[in-house]
PDB file of all heavy atoms in Angstrom:
ATOM      1  N   LYS A   1     -12.919  -9.944   4.716  1.00  0.00           N
ATOM      2  CA  LYS A   1     -12.788 -10.973   5.765  1.00  0.00           C
ATOM      3  C   LYS A   1     -11.914 -10.475   6.905  1.00  0.00           C
ATOM      4  O   LYS A   1     -12.232 -10.681   8.082  1.00  0.00           O
ATOM      5  CB  LYS A   1     -12.201 -12.251   5.170  1.00  0.00           C
ATOM      6  CG  LYS A   1     -13.157 -13.000   4.281  1.00  0.00           C
ATOM      7  CD  LYS A   1     -12.494 -14.238   3.716  1.00  0.00           C
ATOM      8  CE  LYS A   1     -13.385 -14.911   2.691  1.00  0.00           C
ATOM      9  NZ  LYS A   1     -12.715 -16.044   2.041  1.00  0.00           N
ATOM     10  N   ALA A   2     -10.801  -9.840   6.561  1.00  0.00           N
ATOM     11  CA  ALA A   2      -9.879  -9.359   7.594  1.00  0.00           C
ATOM     12  C   ALA A   2     -10.530  -8.298   8.467  1.00  0.00           C
ATOM     13  O   ALA A   2     -10.270  -8.240   9.676  1.00  0.00           O
ATOM     14  CB  ALA A   2      -8.614  -8.803   6.946  1.00  0.00           C
ATOM     15  N   SER A   3     -11.383  -7.475   7.891  1.00  0.00           N
ATOM     16  CA  SER A   3     -12.002  -6.396   8.657  1.00  0.00           C
ATOM     17  C   SER A   3     -13.020  -6.903   9.667  1.00  0.00           C
ATOM     18  O   SER A   3     -13.410  -6.169  10.569  1.00  0.00           O
ATOM     19  CB  SER A   3     -12.650  -5.378   7.715  1.00  0.00           C
ATOM     20  OG  SER A   3     -13.780  -5.926   7.082  1.00  0.00           O
ATOM     21  N   GLU A   4     -13.441  -8.150   9.542  1.00  0.00           N
ATOM     22  CA  GLU A   4     -14.379  -8.742  10.490  1.00  0.00           C
ATOM     23  C   GLU A   4     -13.699  -9.114  11.804  1.00  0.00           C
ATOM     24  O   GLU A   4     -14.364  -9.343  12.804  1.00  0.00           O
ATOM     25  CB  GLU A   4     -15.035  -9.980   9.880  1.00  0.00           C
ATOM     26  CG  GLU A   4     -15.922  -9.666   8.690  1.00  0.00           C
ATOM     27  CD  GLU A   4     -16.410 -10.911   7.973  1.00  0.00           C
ATOM     28  OE1 GLU A   4     -16.037 -12.047   8.380  1.00  0.00           O
ATOM     29  OE2 GLU A   4     -17.159 -10.766   6.994  1.00  0.00           O
ATOM     30  N   ARG A   5     -12.373  -9.185  11.778  1.00  0.00           N
ATOM     31  CA  ARG A   5     -11.618  -9.550  12.977  1.00  0.00           C
ATOM     32  C   ARG A   5     -11.163  -8.289  13.699  1.00  0.00           C
ATOM     33  O   ARG A   5     -11.013  -7.237  13.101  1.00  0.00           O
ATOM     34  CB  ARG A   5     -10.417 -10.393  12.576  1.00  0.00           C
ATOM     35  CG  ARG A   5     -10.857 -11.638  11.782  1.00  0.00           C
ATOM     36  CD  ARG A   5      -9.703 -12.342  11.166  1.00  0.00           C
ATOM     37  NE  ARG A   5      -8.957 -12.992  12.227  1.00  0.00           N
ATOM     38  CZ  ARG A   5      -7.803 -13.602  12.025  1.00  0.00           C
ATOM     39  NH1 ARG A   5      -7.271 -13.641  10.839  1.00  0.00           N
ATOM     40  NH2 ARG A   5      -7.170 -14.167  13.032  1.00  0.00           N
ATOM     41  N   ASP A   6     -10.955  -8.388  14.950  1.00  0.00           N
ATOM     42  CA  ASP A   6     -10.507  -7.233  15.731  1.00  0.00           C
ATOM     43  C   ASP A   6      -8.976  -7.243  15.834  1.00  0.00           C
ATOM     44  O   ASP A   6      -8.415  -7.336  16.920  1.00  0.00           O
ATOM     45  CB  ASP A   6     -11.155  -7.266  17.119  1.00  0.00           C
ATOM     46  CG  ASP A   6     -10.891  -5.988  17.898  1.00  0.00           C
ATOM     47  OD1 ASP A   6     -10.693  -4.920  17.265  1.00  0.00           O
ATOM     48  OD2 ASP A   6     -10.865  -6.050  19.134  1.00  0.00           O
ATOM     49  N   LEU A   7      -8.338  -7.171  14.668  1.00  0.00           N
ATOM     50  CA  LEU A   7      -6.881  -7.189  14.593  1.00  0.00           C
ATOM     51  C   LEU A   7      -6.424  -6.138  13.591  1.00  0.00           C
ATOM     52  O   LEU A   7      -7.172  -5.771  12.682  1.00  0.00           O
ATOM     53  CB  LEU A   7      -6.388  -8.569  14.118  1.00  0.00           C
ATOM     54  CG  LEU A   7      -6.680  -9.749  15.032  1.00  0.00           C
ATOM     55  CD1 LEU A   7      -6.369 -11.057  14.319  1.00  0.00           C
ATOM     56  CD2 LEU A   7      -5.851  -9.633  16.312  1.00  0.00           C
ATOM     57  N   PRO A   8      -5.189  -5.652  13.717  1.00  0.00           N
ATOM     58  CA  PRO A   8      -4.677  -4.723  12.710  1.00  0.00           C
ATOM     59  C   PRO A   8      -4.631  -5.403  11.339  1.00  0.00           C
ATOM     60  O   PRO A   8      -4.421  -6.620  11.243  1.00  0.00           O
ATOM     61  CB  PRO A   8      -3.256  -4.401  13.186  1.00  0.00           C
ATOM     62  CG  PRO A   8      -3.227  -4.788  14.622  1.00  0.00           C
ATOM     63  CD  PRO A   8      -4.219  -5.899  14.784  1.00  0.00           C
ATOM     64  N   ILE A   9      -4.825  -4.619  10.293  1.00  0.00           N
ATOM     65  CA  ILE A   9      -4.751  -5.145   8.932  1.00  0.00           C
ATOM     66  C   ILE A   9      -3.451  -4.659   8.309  1.00  0.00           C
ATOM     67  O   ILE A   9      -3.242  -3.454   8.135  1.00  0.00           O
ATOM     68  CB  ILE A   9      -5.961  -4.711   8.089  1.00  0.00           C
ATOM     69  CG1 ILE A   9      -7.249  -5.285   8.708  1.00  0.00           C
ATOM     70  CG2 ILE A   9      -5.797  -5.175   6.643  1.00  0.00           C
ATOM     71  CD1 ILE A   9      -8.513  -4.853   8.006  1.00  0.00           C
ATOM     72  N   ILE A  10      -2.586  -5.613   8.000  1.00  0.00           N
ATOM     73  CA  ILE A  10      -1.283  -5.341   7.405  1.00  0.00           C
ATOM     74  C   ILE A  10      -1.222  -6.072   6.079  1.00  0.00           C
ATOM     75  O   ILE A  10      -1.488  -7.272   6.014  1.00  0.00           O
ATOM     76  CB  ILE A  10      -0.146  -5.835   8.329  1.00  0.00           C
ATOM     77  CG1 ILE A  10      -0.249  -5.162   9.704  1.00  0.00           C
ATOM     78  CG2 ILE A  10       1.216  -5.580   7.683  1.00  0.00           C
ATOM     79  CD1 ILE A  10       0.657  -5.768  10.757  1.00  0.00           C
ATOM     80  N   LEU A  11      -0.876  -5.347   5.028  1.00  0.00           N
ATOM     81  CA  LEU A  11      -0.739  -5.951   3.709  1.00  0.00           C
ATOM     82  C   LEU A  11       0.726  -5.921   3.304  1.00  0.00           C
ATOM     83  O   LEU A  11       1.477  -5.031   3.723  1.00  0.00           O
ATOM     84  CB  LEU A  11      -1.552  -5.179   2.665  1.00  0.00           C
ATOM     85  CG  LEU A  11      -3.060  -5.235   2.878  1.00  0.00           C
ATOM     86  CD1 LEU A  11      -3.518  -4.043   3.652  1.00  0.00           C
ATOM     87  CD2 LEU A  11      -3.751  -5.342   1.566  1.00  0.00           C
ATOM     88  N   VAL A  12       1.120  -6.880   2.465  1.00  0.00           N
ATOM     89  CA  VAL A  12       2.484  -6.946   1.959  1.00  0.00           C
ATOM     90  C   VAL A  12       2.416  -6.999   0.448  1.00  0.00           C
ATOM     91  O   VAL A  12       1.677  -7.805  -0.121  1.00  0.00           O
ATOM     92  CB  VAL A  12       3.222  -8.190   2.512  1.00  0.00           C
ATOM     93  CG1 VAL A  12       4.637  -8.259   1.968  1.00  0.00           C
ATOM     94  CG2 VAL A  12       3.227  -8.184   4.040  1.00  0.00           C
ATOM     95  N   ALA A  13       3.170  -6.117  -0.200  1.00  0.00           N
ATOM     96  CA  ALA A  13       3.202  -6.057  -1.663  1.00  0.00           C
ATOM     97  C   ALA A  13       4.646  -5.880  -2.113  1.00  0.00           C
ATOM     98  O   ALA A  13       5.502  -5.446  -1.338  1.00  0.00           O
ATOM     99  CB  ALA A  13       2.362  -4.886  -2.158  1.00  0.00           C
ATOM    100  N   HIS A  14       4.898  -6.209  -3.353  1.00  0.00           N
ATOM    101  CA  HIS A  14       6.253  -6.007  -3.866  1.00  0.00           C
ATOM    102  C   HIS A  14       6.515  -4.526  -4.138  1.00  0.00           C
ATOM    103  O   HIS A  14       7.481  -3.956  -3.651  1.00  0.00           O
ATOM    104  CB  HIS A  14       6.488  -6.825  -5.145  1.00  0.00           C
ATOM    105  CG  HIS A  14       7.876  -6.660  -5.673  1.00  0.00           C
ATOM    106  ND1 HIS A  14       8.933  -7.350  -5.136  1.00  0.00           N
ATOM    107  CD2 HIS A  14       8.382  -5.858  -6.637  1.00  0.00           C
ATOM    108  CE1 HIS A  14      10.044  -6.983  -5.761  1.00  0.00           C
ATOM    109  NE2 HIS A  14       9.732  -6.078  -6.693  1.00  0.00           N
ATOM    110  N   HIS A  15       5.659  -3.887  -4.928  1.00  0.00           N
ATOM    111  CA  HIS A  15       5.807  -2.469  -5.264  1.00  0.00           C
ATOM    112  C   HIS A  15       5.028  -1.602  -4.276  1.00  0.00           C
ATOM    113  O   HIS A  15       3.910  -1.947  -3.908  1.00  0.00           O
ATOM    114  CB  HIS A  15       5.246  -2.171  -6.663  1.00  0.00           C
ATOM    115  CG  HIS A  15       6.092  -2.672  -7.770  1.00  0.00           C
ATOM    116  ND1 HIS A  15       5.992  -3.948  -8.259  1.00  0.00           N
ATOM    117  CD2 HIS A  15       7.060  -2.066  -8.494  1.00  0.00           C
ATOM    118  CE1 HIS A  15       6.853  -4.113  -9.232  1.00  0.00           C
ATOM    119  NE2 HIS A  15       7.516  -2.990  -9.399  1.00  0.00           N
ATOM    120  N   PRO A  16       5.577  -0.455  -3.898  1.00  0.00           N
ATOM    121  CA  PRO A  16       4.780   0.489  -3.113  1.00  0.00           C
ATOM    122  C   PRO A  16       3.711   1.128  -3.997  1.00  0.00           C
ATOM    123  O   PRO A  16       3.905   1.279  -5.206  1.00  0.00           O
ATOM    124  CB  PRO A  16       5.804   1.529  -2.648  1.00  0.00           C
ATOM    125  CG  PRO A  16       6.911   1.449  -3.645  1.00  0.00           C
ATOM    126  CD  PRO A  16       6.938   0.032  -4.142  1.00  0.00           C
ATOM    127  N   ILE A  17       2.589   1.506  -3.398  1.00  0.00           N
ATOM    128  CA  ILE A  17       1.564   2.227  -4.154  1.00  0.00           C
ATOM    129  C   ILE A  17       2.134   3.574  -4.598  1.00  0.00           C
ATOM    130  O   ILE A  17       1.975   3.993  -5.736  1.00  0.00           O
ATOM    131  CB  ILE A  17       0.284   2.392  -3.317  1.00  0.00           C
ATOM    132  CG1 ILE A  17      -0.364   1.020  -3.097  1.00  0.00           C
ATOM    133  CG2 ILE A  17      -0.687   3.360  -3.996  1.00  0.00           C
ATOM    134  CD1 ILE A  17      -1.609   1.042  -2.235  1.00  0.00           C
ATOM    135  N   PHE A  18       2.808   4.245  -3.671  1.00  0.00           N
ATOM    136  CA  PHE A  18       3.588   5.449  -3.984  1.00  0.00           C
ATOM    137  C   PHE A  18       4.724   5.494  -2.988  1.00  0.00           C
ATOM    138  O   PHE A  18       4.728   4.769  -1.998  1.00  0.00           O
ATOM    139  CB  PHE A  18       2.729   6.722  -3.961  1.00  0.00           C
ATOM    140  CG  PHE A  18       2.155   7.069  -2.618  1.00  0.00           C
ATOM    141  CD1 PHE A  18       2.873   7.822  -1.700  1.00  0.00           C
ATOM    142  CD2 PHE A  18       0.880   6.658  -2.263  1.00  0.00           C
ATOM    143  CE1 PHE A  18       2.342   8.152  -0.464  1.00  0.00           C
ATOM    144  CE2 PHE A  18       0.331   6.978  -1.028  1.00  0.00           C
ATOM    145  CZ  PHE A  18       1.071   7.728  -0.132  1.00  0.00           C
ATOM    146  N   THR A  19       5.720   6.344  -3.253  1.00  0.00           N
ATOM    147  CA  THR A  19       6.863   6.387  -2.347  1.00  0.00           C
ATOM    148  C   THR A  19       6.818   7.573  -1.393  1.00  0.00           C
ATOM    149  O   THR A  19       7.050   7.410  -0.213  1.00  0.00           O
ATOM    150  CB  THR A  19       8.199   6.384  -3.122  1.00  0.00           C
ATOM    151  OG1 THR A  19       8.232   7.493  -4.011  1.00  0.00           O
ATOM    152  CG2 THR A  19       8.362   5.088  -3.891  1.00  0.00           C
ATOM    153  N   GLU A  20       6.527   8.768  -1.912  1.00  0.00           N
ATOM    154  CA  GLU A  20       6.512   9.954  -1.053  1.00  0.00           C
ATOM    155  C   GLU A  20       5.191  10.704  -1.077  1.00  0.00           C
ATOM    156  O   GLU A  20       4.771  11.245  -0.074  1.00  0.00           O
ATOM    157  CB  GLU A  20       7.652  10.895  -1.436  1.00  0.00           C
ATOM    158  CG  GLU A  20       9.016  10.268  -1.184  1.00  0.00           C
ATOM    159  CD  GLU A  20      10.157  11.176  -1.592  1.00  0.00           C
ATOM    160  OE1 GLU A  20       9.951  12.400  -1.698  1.00  0.00           O
ATOM    161  OE2 GLU A  20      11.256  10.653  -1.808  1.00  0.00           O
ATOM    162  N   SER A  21       4.545  10.753  -2.240  1.00  0.00           N
ATOM    163  CA  SER A  21       3.307  11.511  -2.387  1.00  0.00           C
ATOM    164  C   SER A  21       2.367  10.774  -3.326  1.00  0.00           C
ATOM    165  O   SER A  21       2.799  10.256  -4.352  1.00  0.00           O
ATOM    166  CB  SER A  21       3.602  12.902  -2.961  1.00  0.00           C
ATOM    167  OG  SER A  21       2.416  13.525  -3.400  1.00  0.00           O
ATOM    168  N   VAL A  22       1.103  10.750  -2.977  1.00  0.00           N
ATOM    169  CA  VAL A  22       0.116  10.063  -3.806  1.00  0.00           C
ATOM    170  C   VAL A  22       0.063  10.664  -5.208  1.00  0.00           C
ATOM    171  O   VAL A  22      -0.305   9.979  -6.164  1.00  0.00           O
ATOM    172  CB  VAL A  22      -1.267  10.058  -3.120  1.00  0.00           C
ATOM    173  CG1 VAL A  22      -1.875  11.451  -3.128  1.00  0.00           C
ATOM    174  CG2 VAL A  22      -2.196   9.048  -3.747  1.00  0.00           C
ATOM    175  N   ASN A  23       0.488  11.914  -5.363  1.00  0.00           N
ATOM    176  CA  ASN A  23       0.454  12.587  -6.662  1.00  0.00           C
ATOM    177  C   ASN A  23       1.796  12.580  -7.391  1.00  0.00           C
ATOM    178  O   ASN A  23       1.940  13.243  -8.420  1.00  0.00           O
ATOM    179  CB  ASN A  23      -0.028  14.030  -6.487  1.00  0.00           C
ATOM    180  CG  ASN A  23      -1.447  14.076  -5.977  1.00  0.00           C
ATOM    181  OD1 ASN A  23      -2.310  13.353  -6.463  1.00  0.00           O
ATOM    182  ND2 ASN A  23      -1.697  14.895  -4.970  1.00  0.00           N
ATOM    183  N   GLU A  24       2.778  11.846  -6.872  1.00  0.00           N
ATOM    184  CA  GLU A  24       4.091  11.825  -7.521  1.00  0.00           C
ATOM    185  C   GLU A  24       4.004  11.231  -8.928  1.00  0.00           C
ATOM    186  O   GLU A  24       3.055  10.504  -9.247  1.00  0.00           O
ATOM    187  CB  GLU A  24       5.087  11.022  -6.678  1.00  0.00           C
ATOM    188  CG  GLU A  24       4.788   9.540  -6.629  1.00  0.00           C
ATOM    189  CD  GLU A  24       5.534   8.804  -5.522  1.00  0.00           C
ATOM    190  OE1 GLU A  24       6.104   9.452  -4.625  1.00  0.00           O
ATOM    191  OE2 GLU A  24       5.525   7.559  -5.548  1.00  0.00           O
ATOM    192  N   ASP A  25       4.982  11.548  -9.735  1.00  0.00           N
ATOM    193  CA  ASP A  25       5.030  11.028 -11.095  1.00  0.00           C
ATOM    194  C   ASP A  25       5.203   9.511 -11.086  1.00  0.00           C
ATOM    195  O   ASP A  25       5.773   8.944 -10.145  1.00  0.00           O
ATOM    196  CB  ASP A  25       6.194  11.651 -11.866  1.00  0.00           C
ATOM    197  CG  ASP A  25       5.982  13.132 -12.156  1.00  0.00           C
ATOM    198  OD1 ASP A  25       4.807  13.573 -12.168  1.00  0.00           O
ATOM    199  OD2 ASP A  25       6.985  13.842 -12.348  1.00  0.00           O
ATOM    200  N   GLU A  26       4.743   8.890 -12.133  1.00  0.00           N
ATOM    201  CA  GLU A  26       4.966   7.457 -12.309  1.00  0.00           C
ATOM    202  C   GLU A  26       6.448   7.255 -12.603  1.00  0.00           C
ATOM    203  O   GLU A  26       7.041   7.973 -13.397  1.00  0.00           O
ATOM    204  CB  GLU A  26       4.108   6.921 -13.451  1.00  0.00           C
ATOM    205  CG  GLU A  26       2.626   6.990 -13.132  1.00  0.00           C
ATOM    206  CD  GLU A  26       1.746   6.515 -14.259  1.00  0.00           C
ATOM    207  OE1 GLU A  26       2.209   5.762 -15.132  1.00  0.00           O
ATOM    208  OE2 GLU A  26       0.566   6.912 -14.274  1.00  0.00           O
ATOM    209  N   ALA A  27       7.034   6.270 -11.923  1.00  0.00           N
ATOM    210  CA  ALA A  27       8.474   6.078 -12.052  1.00  0.00           C
ATOM    211  C   ALA A  27       8.866   4.620 -12.223  1.00  0.00           C
ATOM    212  O   ALA A  27      10.026   4.270 -12.113  1.00  0.00           O
ATOM    213  CB  ALA A  27       9.181   6.676 -10.838  1.00  0.00           C
ATOM    214  N   GLY A  28       7.894   3.750 -12.426  1.00  0.00           N
ATOM    215  CA  GLY A  28       8.218   2.334 -12.559  1.00  0.00           C
ATOM    216  C   GLY A  28       8.446   1.633 -11.232  1.00  0.00           C
ATOM    217  O   GLY A  28       8.597   0.423 -11.193  1.00  0.00           O
ATOM    218  N   VAL A  29       8.497   2.401 -10.149  1.00  0.00           N
ATOM    219  CA  VAL A  29       8.662   1.812  -8.818  1.00  0.00           C
ATOM    220  C   VAL A  29       7.402   1.978  -7.990  1.00  0.00           C
ATOM    221  O   VAL A  29       7.339   1.526  -6.857  1.00  0.00           O
ATOM    222  CB  VAL A  29       9.861   2.416  -8.053  1.00  0.00           C
ATOM    223  CG1 VAL A  29      11.164   2.103  -8.760  1.00  0.00           C
ATOM    224  CG2 VAL A  29       9.683   3.914  -7.855  1.00  0.00           C
ATOM    225  N   ASN A  30       6.400   2.664  -8.552  1.00  0.00           N
ATOM    226  CA  ASN A  30       5.135   2.879  -7.868  1.00  0.00           C
ATOM    227  C   ASN A  30       4.009   2.454  -8.803  1.00  0.00           C
ATOM    228  O   ASN A  30       4.245   2.170  -9.975  1.00  0.00           O
ATOM    229  CB  ASN A  30       4.998   4.352  -7.466  1.00  0.00           C
ATOM    230  CG  ASN A  30       5.268   5.300  -8.630  1.00  0.00           C
ATOM    231  OD1 ASN A  30       5.196   4.944  -9.793  1.00  0.00           O
ATOM    232  ND2 ASN A  30       5.590   6.540  -8.302  1.00  0.00           N
TER     233      ASN A  30
END
């Protein structure tokens, strides 16, 4: 639905998907 609008798409989550690298180790914060 959001992509149908001509506006930036910003999401808010509690945990980051990753912190520094997509391949970083799992640390309980990602």
